[in-house]
């Protein structure tokens, strides 16, 4: 690592207090997708304080923004998130379930740390530009509503990321590693059925049950599940049963569907079949069906060039070592986990046997304070992320940094409990250094940028990105 790069990364330590205070303040104001007014403003204020040019309301979304610095090529994006989850309010640092606000929101996916560390990374790149007078532009993107809102999907559809040569990001996790694989694409659709109410005993023949239509649709989709690819998932929730009176034929009912598959074209095929089932349910019940496209998320297109560069920077920067106090809290918290030992087993199963054998000594660890080797396997993870839409626009890759105890359940009170821990604070700064180092390497080597873009082009094979979100579909911003 060059002295100028070391100096730039050291600048993250100089603003450590600002970054950890930012992540703690966002933790203290947990806001769900598209309502992150306080969280967004906290980040905007820090960006301005650190000397970035801020642009707000990207893609017409009130809580989407960017912070830019530098001039010329390459243009590298660093992605950030800051939305919370409903129902996961939890006292930080507490090893038993204890809500701050009963039923309130909480950062059960660590997004209070995500955007903060990405701002730290952008700041280190800014310092590098200032010190070395090099060509290049770094842009921090404040991306709302990752949790079920596809904020980046709407931003990608509207061209927000089109100027980027490459993008990097990270996610709080339980290992220090690169995430080289893909993710599941998805589409979310609301199906509303309208019928005719009637007395269920006195005049049932005059009624047309919307609830029957929802039931028949769900039954039809149940049979469809046998006839789609095994990797596909079809989830649903009945959001309106038409009332609570069984002696009334329900005139209104609604069901919300999420359809997932490894590739967005596979999702589109299943989506068309689910639509046909919904139409059939309406015909069978004499009701009317209206479908509303809510959002979509593209699959994540891997980029090995940037993944290997992130791995290099993971190894160049020393991850924070666990303290006795952190290990003691980890062991106490692990007693509440449904299972332990699975994260490392799953990771090692994707490595060559010779490499995996050397790491088996870590199977019972409570904290990962070392760097795991880069996996060759690009199997899609079982979840979805709107980072996928950015990866369809430009070469993109991401890392995980160990802010959490190994095997912490995702979207849980246990994860929220660790959101303001010393482990979380140290690891968010580490993640910032890894991303900043990667961007600096891209600034210094045009051949790396070209290689990443060439790989991106090969994977796309001449097929241009077309957003799966129809242009007429607006982000589900409350009150708009």
Protein backbone atom coordinates (compact mmCIF):
# COMPACT_ATOMS: atom_id res chain seq x y z
CA UNK A 1 0.00 0.00 0.00
CA UNK A 2 1.43 3.39 -0.97
CA UNK A 3 2.01 6.09 1.62
CA UNK A 4 -0.53 8.39 -0.06
CA UNK A 5 -3.18 5.66 0.10
CA UNK A 6 -2.35 4.93 3.76
CA UNK A 7 -2.68 8.62 4.56
CA UNK A 8 -6.08 8.81 2.87
CA UNK A 9 -7.39 5.77 4.74
CA UNK A 10 -6.01 7.15 8.01
CA UNK A 11 -8.30 10.16 7.52
CA UNK A 12 -11.23 7.87 8.40
CA UNK A 13 -9.78 7.54 11.91
CA UNK A 14 -9.69 11.35 12.09
CA UNK A 15 -13.48 11.52 11.60
CA UNK A 16 -14.32 8.34 13.53
CA UNK A 17 -16.31 10.34 16.07
CA UNK A 18 -18.42 11.98 13.37
CA UNK A 19 -19.13 8.63 11.68
CA UNK A 20 -20.03 6.67 14.81
CA UNK A 21 -22.17 9.54 16.09
CA UNK A 22 -23.95 9.58 12.73
CA UNK A 23 -24.69 5.84 12.82
CA UNK A 24 -25.86 6.09 16.44
CA UNK A 25 -28.15 9.02 15.64
CA UNK A 26 -29.70 7.08 12.76
CA UNK A 27 -30.13 4.10 15.11
CA UNK A 28 -31.97 6.40 17.52
CA UNK A 29 -34.35 7.55 14.76
CA UNK A 30 -35.38 4.30 13.03
CA UNK A 31 -37.49 5.11 9.98
CA UNK A 32 -38.89 2.65 7.46
CA UNK A 33 -38.66 2.86 3.68
CA UNK A 34 -39.39 6.24 2.05
CA UNK A 35 -40.09 7.85 5.44
CA UNK A 36 -36.39 8.32 6.38
CA UNK A 37 -36.63 12.10 6.68
CA UNK A 38 -34.48 12.48 9.80
CA UNK A 39 -31.97 9.80 8.77
CA UNK A 40 -31.51 11.35 5.33
CA UNK A 41 -31.06 14.84 6.76
CA UNK A 42 -28.48 13.60 9.26
CA UNK A 43 -26.42 12.20 6.40
CA UNK A 44 -26.90 15.28 4.22
CA UNK A 45 -25.68 17.51 7.05
CA UNK A 46 -22.53 15.41 7.51
CA UNK A 47 -21.82 15.35 3.76
CA UNK A 48 -22.03 19.15 3.61
CA UNK A 49 -19.83 19.47 6.68
CA UNK A 50 -17.22 17.23 5.04
CA UNK A 51 -17.19 19.30 1.83
CA UNK A 52 -19.36 17.34 -0.59
CA UNK A 53 -21.75 18.87 -3.11
CA UNK A 54 -25.18 17.51 -2.23
CA UNK A 55 -28.04 16.90 -4.63
CA UNK A 56 -31.40 16.04 -3.08
CA UNK A 57 -34.62 14.33 -4.23
CA UNK A 58 -32.96 12.04 -6.77
CA UNK A 59 -35.49 10.35 -9.07
CA UNK A 60 -38.13 12.51 -7.40
CA UNK A 61 -37.76 10.58 -4.13
CA UNK A 62 -37.72 12.90 -1.08
CA UNK A 63 -35.17 10.80 0.84
CA UNK A 64 -32.80 9.95 -2.04
CA UNK A 65 -29.70 12.13 -2.40
CA UNK A 66 -26.03 12.18 -3.38
CA UNK A 67 -22.78 13.77 -2.25
CA UNK A 68 -20.22 14.44 -5.00
CA UNK A 69 -16.55 15.39 -5.03
CA UNK A 70 -13.87 15.59 -7.69
CA UNK A 71 -13.76 16.00 -11.47
CA UNK A 72 -13.32 13.82 -14.50
CA UNK A 73 -13.01 10.07 -14.93
CA UNK A 74 -13.37 7.53 -13.54
CA UNK A 75 -16.69 8.19 -11.83
CA UNK A 76 -17.09 5.75 -8.94
CA UNK A 77 -20.22 5.38 -6.81
CA UNK A 78 -20.34 4.28 -3.17
CA UNK A 79 -23.80 3.12 -2.11
CA UNK A 80 -25.41 3.77 1.26
CA UNK A 81 -28.64 2.79 2.99
CA UNK A 82 -30.33 3.96 6.19
CA UNK A 83 -33.85 2.50 6.42
CA UNK A 84 -35.09 0.51 9.42
CA UNK A 85 -37.56 -2.35 9.85
CA UNK A 86 -40.94 -2.29 11.57
CA UNK A 87 -41.46 -4.15 14.83
CA UNK A 88 -37.76 -4.49 15.70
CA UNK A 89 -37.34 -1.83 18.36
CA UNK A 90 -34.67 -3.04 20.78
CA UNK A 91 -32.52 -1.66 23.59
CA UNK A 92 -28.91 -1.60 22.31
CA UNK A 93 -26.33 -3.61 24.22
CA UNK A 94 -29.02 -5.74 25.88
CA UNK A 95 -28.76 -9.55 25.53
CA UNK A 96 -32.46 -10.10 26.10
CA UNK A 97 -35.42 -8.88 24.10
CA UNK A 98 -36.38 -5.44 25.38
CA UNK A 99 -38.09 -2.96 23.08
CA UNK A 100 -37.42 0.76 23.39
CA UNK A 101 -40.90 1.35 21.96
CA UNK A 102 -43.32 -1.60 21.94
CA UNK A 103 -44.01 -2.47 18.32
CA UNK A 104 -41.68 0.30 17.15
CA UNK A 105 -39.14 0.34 14.36
CA UNK A 106 -35.57 -0.85 14.73
CA UNK A 107 -32.36 -1.26 12.73
CA UNK A 108 -32.57 -5.04 12.46
CA UNK A 109 -30.43 -5.13 9.32
CA UNK A 110 -27.69 -2.73 10.37
CA UNK A 111 -28.49 0.01 7.89
CA UNK A 112 -27.70 2.69 10.47
CA UNK A 113 -24.09 1.58 9.94
CA UNK A 114 -24.26 1.02 6.20
CA UNK A 115 -24.61 4.56 4.93
CA UNK A 116 -22.35 5.98 7.64
CA UNK A 117 -19.41 3.75 6.66
CA UNK A 118 -19.96 4.53 2.99
CA UNK A 119 -19.75 8.27 3.77
CA UNK A 120 -16.48 7.57 5.61
CA UNK A 121 -15.19 5.82 2.48
CA UNK A 122 -16.19 8.73 0.24
CA UNK A 123 -14.43 11.14 2.61
CA UNK A 124 -11.16 9.18 2.44
CA UNK A 125 -11.33 9.24 -1.37
CA UNK A 126 -11.96 13.00 -1.22
CA UNK A 127 -8.83 13.43 0.92
CA UNK A 128 -6.87 11.36 -1.60
CA UNK A 129 -8.05 13.58 -4.46
CA UNK A 130 -7.07 16.70 -2.51
CA UNK A 131 -3.63 15.38 -1.59
CA UNK A 132 -2.73 13.98 -5.02
CA UNK A 133 -4.61 16.20 -7.45
CA UNK A 134 -5.73 13.15 -9.42
CA UNK A 135 -8.55 12.88 -11.91
CA UNK A 136 -11.66 11.14 -10.70
CA UNK A 137 -15.08 11.70 -9.19
CA UNK A 138 -16.49 9.95 -6.13
CA UNK A 139 -20.25 10.02 -5.47
CA UNK A 140 -21.94 8.83 -2.31
CA UNK A 141 -25.53 7.76 -2.96
CA UNK A 142 -28.05 7.91 -0.14
CA UNK A 143 -30.45 5.16 -1.19
CA UNK A 144 -33.76 4.83 0.67
CA UNK A 145 -36.11 1.91 1.12
CA UNK A 146 -33.90 -1.11 0.48
CA UNK A 147 -36.17 -3.15 2.74
CA UNK A 148 -38.99 -3.99 0.39
CA UNK A 149 -39.10 -0.62 -1.36
CA UNK A 150 -36.50 -1.05 -4.15
CA UNK A 151 -35.20 2.49 -3.77
CA UNK A 152 -32.18 1.79 -5.97
CA UNK A 153 -34.46 0.11 -8.51
CA UNK A 154 -36.44 3.31 -9.03
CA UNK A 155 -33.23 5.33 -9.05
CA UNK A 156 -31.67 3.02 -11.64
CA UNK A 157 -34.80 3.13 -13.79
CA UNK A 158 -34.63 6.93 -13.83
CA UNK A 159 -30.96 7.04 -14.83
CA UNK A 160 -29.42 8.13 -11.51
CA UNK A 161 -26.47 5.73 -11.85
CA UNK A 162 -25.91 6.05 -15.60
CA UNK A 163 -22.74 8.15 -15.28
CA UNK A 164 -20.92 5.59 -13.13
CA UNK A 165 -17.94 3.61 -14.36
CA UNK A 166 -18.10 1.31 -11.30
CA UNK A 167 -19.81 1.07 -7.91
CA UNK A 168 -18.92 -0.49 -4.56
CA UNK A 169 -20.89 -1.08 -1.40
CA UNK A 170 -20.99 -3.19 1.74
CA UNK A 171 -23.40 -4.71 4.21
CA UNK A 172 -23.13 -5.25 7.95
CA UNK A 173 -22.76 -8.96 8.58
CA UNK A 174 -21.05 -11.62 10.69
CA UNK A 175 -17.96 -12.17 8.51
CA UNK A 176 -15.27 -10.08 6.85
CA UNK A 177 -15.61 -11.26 3.28
CA UNK A 178 -16.47 -10.38 -0.30
CA UNK A 179 -19.98 -11.24 -1.51
CA UNK A 180 -19.22 -12.59 -4.99
CA UNK A 181 -22.53 -14.24 -5.80
CA UNK A 182 -25.79 -13.12 -7.31
CA UNK A 183 -29.15 -12.52 -5.63
CA UNK A 184 -32.77 -13.31 -6.40
CA UNK A 185 -34.73 -10.93 -8.60
CA UNK A 186 -38.29 -10.19 -7.53
CA UNK A 187 -41.54 -8.50 -8.44
CA UNK A 188 -44.18 -7.36 -5.95
CA UNK A 189 -47.79 -7.00 -7.15
CA UNK A 190 -51.06 -6.17 -5.40
CA UNK A 191 -54.23 -7.93 -6.60
CA UNK A 192 -57.50 -6.26 -5.62
CA UNK A 193 -60.82 -8.00 -6.22
CA UNK A 194 -64.17 -6.18 -6.24
CA UNK A 195 -67.46 -8.06 -5.93
CA UNK A 196 -70.99 -7.49 -4.65
CA UNK A 197 -72.01 -7.63 -1.00
CA UNK A 198 -75.12 -9.50 0.06
CA UNK A 199 -76.71 -11.19 3.07
CA UNK A 200 -74.81 -14.47 3.27
CA UNK A 201 -77.90 -16.40 4.42
CA UNK A 202 -80.86 -14.43 3.08
CA UNK A 203 -79.60 -13.68 -0.44
CA UNK A 204 -76.24 -15.37 -1.07
CA UNK A 205 -77.11 -15.81 -4.76
CA UNK A 206 -76.97 -12.04 -5.18
CA UNK A 207 -73.45 -11.77 -3.78
CA UNK A 208 -70.14 -12.03 -5.62
CA UNK A 209 -67.40 -12.76 -3.10
CA UNK A 210 -64.08 -10.97 -3.48
CA UNK A 211 -62.73 -13.11 -0.65
CA UNK A 212 -63.61 -16.24 -2.63
CA UNK A 213 -61.59 -14.78 -5.51
CA UNK A 214 -58.56 -14.26 -3.27
CA UNK A 215 -58.93 -17.80 -1.93
CA UNK A 216 -59.19 -19.27 -5.41
CA UNK A 217 -56.21 -17.25 -6.60
CA UNK A 218 -54.10 -18.47 -3.69
CA UNK A 219 -55.19 -22.05 -4.40
CA UNK A 220 -54.30 -21.67 -8.07
CA UNK A 221 -50.86 -20.32 -7.24
CA UNK A 222 -50.37 -23.20 -4.82
CA UNK A 223 -50.76 -25.62 -7.74
CA UNK A 224 -48.48 -23.43 -9.88
CA UNK A 225 -45.61 -23.91 -7.42
CA UNK A 226 -45.09 -27.46 -8.67
CA UNK A 227 -44.60 -26.19 -12.21
CA UNK A 228 -41.99 -23.45 -11.84
CA UNK A 229 -38.22 -23.75 -11.53
CA UNK A 230 -37.07 -25.08 -8.16
CA UNK A 231 -35.12 -21.92 -7.36
CA UNK A 232 -38.27 -19.77 -7.62
CA UNK A 233 -40.21 -18.57 -4.59
CA UNK A 234 -43.77 -17.22 -4.55
CA UNK A 235 -44.77 -15.45 -1.32
CA UNK A 236 -48.10 -13.84 -0.48
CA UNK A 237 -49.98 -11.99 2.25
CA UNK A 238 -53.73 -11.39 2.37
CA UNK A 239 -53.90 -7.68 3.18
CA UNK A 240 -57.68 -7.22 3.08
CA UNK A 241 -60.20 -9.99 3.80
CA UNK A 242 -63.20 -7.73 3.24
CA UNK A 243 -64.30 -7.36 6.84
CA UNK A 244 -64.94 -9.42 9.97
CA UNK A 245 -68.63 -10.32 9.49
CA UNK A 246 -69.04 -13.90 8.24
CA UNK A 247 -72.72 -13.31 7.46
CA UNK A 248 -71.85 -10.79 4.75
CA UNK A 249 -70.56 -11.68 1.30
CA UNK A 250 -67.31 -9.73 1.12
CA UNK A 251 -67.33 -7.19 -1.69
CA UNK A 252 -63.64 -6.22 -1.44
CA UNK A 253 -60.51 -8.28 -0.82
CA UNK A 254 -56.84 -7.97 -1.64
CA UNK A 255 -53.70 -10.08 -1.69
CA UNK A 256 -50.07 -8.99 -2.08
CA UNK A 257 -47.64 -11.23 -3.96
CA UNK A 258 -43.83 -11.33 -4.15
CA UNK A 259 -42.37 -13.51 -6.89
CA UNK A 260 -38.66 -14.38 -6.80
CA UNK A 261 -36.25 -16.24 -9.09
CA UNK A 262 -32.52 -16.09 -9.91
CA UNK A 263 -33.04 -13.97 -13.05
CA UNK A 264 -35.50 -11.17 -13.72
CA UNK A 265 -36.65 -12.76 -17.00
CA UNK A 266 -37.62 -15.88 -15.02
CA UNK A 267 -39.58 -13.71 -12.60
CA UNK A 268 -41.38 -12.06 -15.51
CA UNK A 269 -42.45 -15.44 -16.87
CA UNK A 270 -43.88 -16.55 -13.52
CA UNK A 271 -45.49 -13.14 -13.02
CA UNK A 272 -47.42 -13.57 -16.29
CA UNK A 273 -48.75 -16.93 -15.10
CA UNK A 274 -49.77 -15.54 -11.71
CA UNK A 275 -51.63 -12.77 -13.55
CA UNK A 276 -53.55 -15.40 -15.54
CA UNK A 277 -54.50 -17.19 -12.32
CA UNK A 278 -55.78 -13.90 -10.86
CA UNK A 279 -57.88 -13.31 -14.00
CA UNK A 280 -59.23 -16.85 -13.74
CA UNK A 281 -60.18 -16.35 -10.09
CA UNK A 282 -62.14 -13.24 -11.06
CA UNK A 283 -63.94 -15.11 -13.84
CA UNK A 284 -64.85 -17.98 -11.54
CA UNK A 285 -66.34 -15.67 -8.93
CA UNK A 286 -67.93 -13.02 -11.12
CA UNK A 287 -65.72 -10.34 -9.58
CA UNK A 288 -63.45 -7.71 -11.08
CA UNK A 289 -59.68 -7.85 -10.62
CA UNK A 290 -57.26 -4.93 -10.63
CA UNK A 291 -53.52 -5.54 -10.36
CA UNK A 292 -51.10 -2.86 -9.18
CA UNK A 293 -47.38 -3.24 -9.84
CA UNK A 294 -45.68 -2.20 -6.58
CA UNK A 295 -41.96 -2.64 -7.26
CA UNK A 296 -39.29 -4.92 -8.68
CA UNK A 297 -35.67 -5.78 -7.96
CA UNK A 298 -33.18 -7.08 -10.52
CA UNK A 299 -30.79 -9.93 -9.84
CA UNK A 300 -27.27 -8.93 -8.84
CA UNK A 301 -24.78 -9.28 -11.70
CA UNK A 302 -21.39 -10.25 -10.18
CA UNK A 303 -18.13 -8.59 -11.19
CA UNK A 304 -15.03 -10.63 -10.43
CA UNK A 305 -12.59 -7.80 -11.18
CA UNK A 306 -14.01 -5.53 -8.49
CA UNK A 307 -14.61 -8.48 -6.14
CA UNK A 308 -10.91 -9.40 -6.28
CA UNK A 309 -9.96 -5.77 -5.72
CA UNK A 310 -12.21 -5.62 -2.65
CA UNK A 311 -10.63 -8.85 -1.39
CA UNK A 312 -7.18 -7.31 -1.74
CA UNK A 313 -8.26 -4.31 0.30
CA UNK A 314 -9.93 -6.49 2.94
CA UNK A 315 -6.55 -8.15 3.43
CA UNK A 316 -4.51 -4.93 3.24
CA UNK A 317 -6.53 -3.41 6.08
CA UNK A 318 -6.48 -5.28 9.39
CA UNK A 319 -9.97 -6.10 10.68
CA UNK A 320 -10.65 -5.12 14.31
CA UNK A 321 -9.81 -7.79 16.88
CA UNK A 322 -12.43 -8.87 19.37
CA UNK A 323 -11.99 -7.65 22.94
CA UNK A 324 -12.76 -9.70 26.07
CA UNK A 325 -15.84 -7.57 26.66
CA UNK A 326 -17.08 -8.12 23.09
CA UNK A 327 -16.53 -11.87 23.35
CA UNK A 328 -18.38 -12.01 26.68
CA UNK A 329 -21.38 -10.16 25.22
CA UNK A 330 -21.24 -12.39 22.12
CA UNK A 331 -21.44 -15.56 24.23
CA UNK A 332 -24.34 -14.16 26.24
CA UNK A 333 -26.22 -13.17 23.09
CA UNK A 334 -25.55 -16.49 21.37
CA UNK A 335 -27.56 -18.27 24.05
CA UNK A 336 -30.67 -16.67 22.51
CA UNK A 337 -29.90 -17.83 18.93
CA UNK A 338 -31.96 -20.70 17.49
CA UNK A 339 -28.79 -22.24 15.97
CA UNK A 340 -25.04 -21.53 15.97
CA UNK A 341 -22.16 -22.68 13.81
CA UNK A 342 -24.07 -22.46 10.54
CA UNK A 343 -22.54 -19.30 9.04
CA UNK A 344 -19.01 -20.67 8.96
CA UNK A 345 -20.15 -24.14 7.83
CA UNK A 346 -22.09 -22.60 4.95
CA UNK A 347 -19.13 -20.44 3.94
CA UNK A 348 -16.59 -23.25 4.16
CA UNK A 349 -18.81 -25.54 2.08
CA UNK A 350 -18.27 -23.17 -0.85
CA UNK A 351 -14.46 -23.23 -0.60
CA UNK A 352 -11.99 -25.81 -1.97
CA UNK A 353 -11.43 -28.57 0.60
CA UNK A 354 -7.79 -27.69 1.18
CA UNK A 355 -8.69 -24.07 2.01
CA UNK A 356 -11.72 -25.04 4.08
CA UNK A 357 -9.68 -27.50 6.19
CA UNK A 358 -7.42 -24.69 7.41
CA UNK A 359 -10.42 -22.66 8.58
CA UNK A 360 -12.34 -25.36 10.45
CA UNK A 361 -10.68 -24.28 13.68
CA UNK A 362 -13.00 -21.25 13.53
CA UNK A 363 -16.25 -23.25 13.45
CA UNK A 364 -17.07 -22.54 17.08
CA UNK A 365 -15.97 -18.89 17.06
CA UNK A 366 -18.37 -16.29 18.40
CA UNK A 367 -16.84 -13.41 16.43
CA UNK A 368 -15.14 -13.34 13.03
CA UNK A 369 -12.17 -10.99 13.43
CA UNK A 370 -10.21 -12.25 10.42
CA UNK A 371 -10.66 -12.10 6.64
CA UNK A 372 -12.21 -15.07 4.84
CA UNK A 373 -10.93 -16.15 1.42
CA UNK A 374 -12.74 -15.13 -1.74
CA UNK A 375 -15.30 -17.70 -2.88
CA UNK A 376 -15.33 -18.79 -6.51
CA UNK A 377 -19.00 -19.78 -6.38
CA UNK A 378 -21.51 -17.26 -7.79
CA UNK A 379 -24.64 -19.06 -6.58
CA UNK A 380 -27.51 -16.67 -5.88
CA UNK A 381 -28.09 -15.95 -2.22
CA UNK A 382 -31.62 -16.78 -1.02
CA UNK A 383 -32.58 -13.12 -0.56
CA UNK A 384 -32.93 -10.07 -2.78
CA UNK A 385 -31.23 -6.68 -2.83
CA UNK A 386 -31.79 -3.60 -4.93
CA UNK A 387 -28.01 -3.37 -5.33
CA UNK A 388 -28.87 -5.74 -8.17
CA UNK A 389 -30.34 -2.88 -10.18
CA UNK A 390 -27.12 -0.87 -9.85
CA UNK A 391 -25.11 -3.92 -10.95
CA UNK A 392 -27.22 -4.07 -14.11
CA UNK A 393 -26.16 -0.48 -14.93
CA UNK A 394 -22.41 -0.63 -14.13
CA UNK A 395 -19.80 -3.03 -12.69
CA UNK A 396 -20.66 -3.46 -9.00
CA UNK A 397 -19.44 -5.55 -6.07
CA UNK A 398 -19.80 -5.55 -2.30
CA UNK A 399 -18.30 -6.79 0.94
CA UNK A 400 -19.54 -7.88 4.34
CA UNK A 401 -17.88 -6.58 7.51
CA UNK A 402 -18.31 -8.33 10.85
CA UNK A 403 -20.38 -5.88 12.86
CA UNK A 404 -22.32 -8.78 14.41
CA UNK A 405 -21.80 -11.97 16.37
CA UNK A 406 -21.51 -15.03 14.14
CA UNK A 407 -24.89 -16.63 13.32
CA UNK A 408 -26.92 -13.59 14.38
CA UNK A 409 -30.38 -14.13 12.85
CA UNK A 410 -31.19 -11.59 10.16
CA UNK A 411 -33.96 -9.07 10.81
CA UNK A 412 -34.04 -9.91 14.51
CA UNK A 413 -33.99 -8.13 17.88
CA UNK A 414 -30.58 -9.72 18.46
CA UNK A 415 -29.19 -7.93 15.41
CA UNK A 416 -30.73 -4.62 16.50
CA UNK A 417 -29.17 -5.07 19.94
CA UNK A 418 -25.71 -4.88 18.36
CA UNK A 419 -26.32 -1.72 16.31
CA UNK A 420 -24.45 0.67 18.66
CA UNK A 421 -21.81 -1.76 19.95
CA UNK A 422 -18.07 -1.18 19.95
CA UNK A 423 -17.82 -4.07 17.49
CA UNK A 424 -20.25 -2.32 15.12
CA UNK A 425 -18.40 0.99 15.38
CA UNK A 426 -14.97 -0.50 14.69
CA UNK A 427 -16.20 -2.63 11.81
CA UNK A 428 -18.03 0.21 10.08
CA UNK A 429 -14.75 2.17 10.03
CA UNK A 430 -12.96 -0.92 8.71
CA UNK A 431 -15.57 -1.29 5.95
CA UNK A 432 -15.07 2.36 5.05
CA UNK A 433 -11.33 1.83 4.64
CA UNK A 434 -11.81 -1.25 2.46
CA UNK A 435 -14.21 0.54 0.10
CA UNK A 436 -12.08 3.69 0.00
CA UNK A 437 -8.97 1.67 -0.78
CA UNK A 438 -10.78 -0.06 -3.63
CA UNK A 439 -11.93 3.24 -5.14
CA UNK A 440 -8.40 4.68 -4.85
CA UNK A 441 -7.02 1.63 -6.66
CA UNK A 442 -9.56 2.17 -9.46
CA UNK A 443 -8.54 5.84 -9.65
CA UNK A 444 -4.91 4.82 -10.05
CA UNK A 445 -5.31 2.06 -12.62
CA UNK A 446 -7.37 2.72 -15.74
CA UNK A 447 -6.74 -0.88 -16.82
CA UNK A 448 -8.67 -2.14 -13.78
CA UNK A 449 -11.65 0.04 -14.65
CA UNK A 450 -11.51 -1.18 -18.24
CA UNK A 451 -11.26 -4.82 -17.13
CA UNK A 452 -14.28 -4.40 -14.85
CA UNK A 453 -16.29 -2.81 -17.65
CA UNK A 454 -15.18 -5.46 -20.15
CA UNK A 455 -16.39 -8.17 -17.75
CA UNK A 456 -19.67 -6.32 -17.30
CA UNK A 457 -20.12 -6.21 -21.09
CA UNK A 458 -19.31 -9.92 -21.45
CA UNK A 459 -21.87 -10.87 -18.83
CA UNK A 460 -24.53 -8.71 -20.45
CA UNK A 461 -23.68 -10.13 -23.87
CA UNK A 462 -24.98 -7.08 -25.69
CA UNK A 463 -28.33 -7.00 -23.87
CA UNK A 464 -29.01 -3.45 -22.59
CA UNK A 465 -30.43 -2.93 -19.14
CA UNK A 466 -34.19 -2.44 -19.11
CA UNK A 467 -35.66 -1.73 -15.71
CA UNK A 468 -38.27 -4.28 -14.59
CA UNK A 469 -40.25 -1.39 -13.04
CA UNK A 470 -42.73 0.15 -15.49
CA UNK A 471 -42.20 3.87 -16.06
CA UNK A 472 -45.71 4.67 -14.86
CA UNK A 473 -45.09 2.98 -11.49
CA UNK A 474 -44.14 5.51 -8.84
CA UNK A 475 -42.10 4.77 -5.70
CA UNK A 476 -44.51 3.95 -2.86
CA UNK A 477 -43.75 7.14 -0.95
CA UNK A 478 -46.36 7.60 1.81
CA UNK A 479 -48.66 10.53 1.14
CA UNK A 480 -47.78 10.76 -2.57
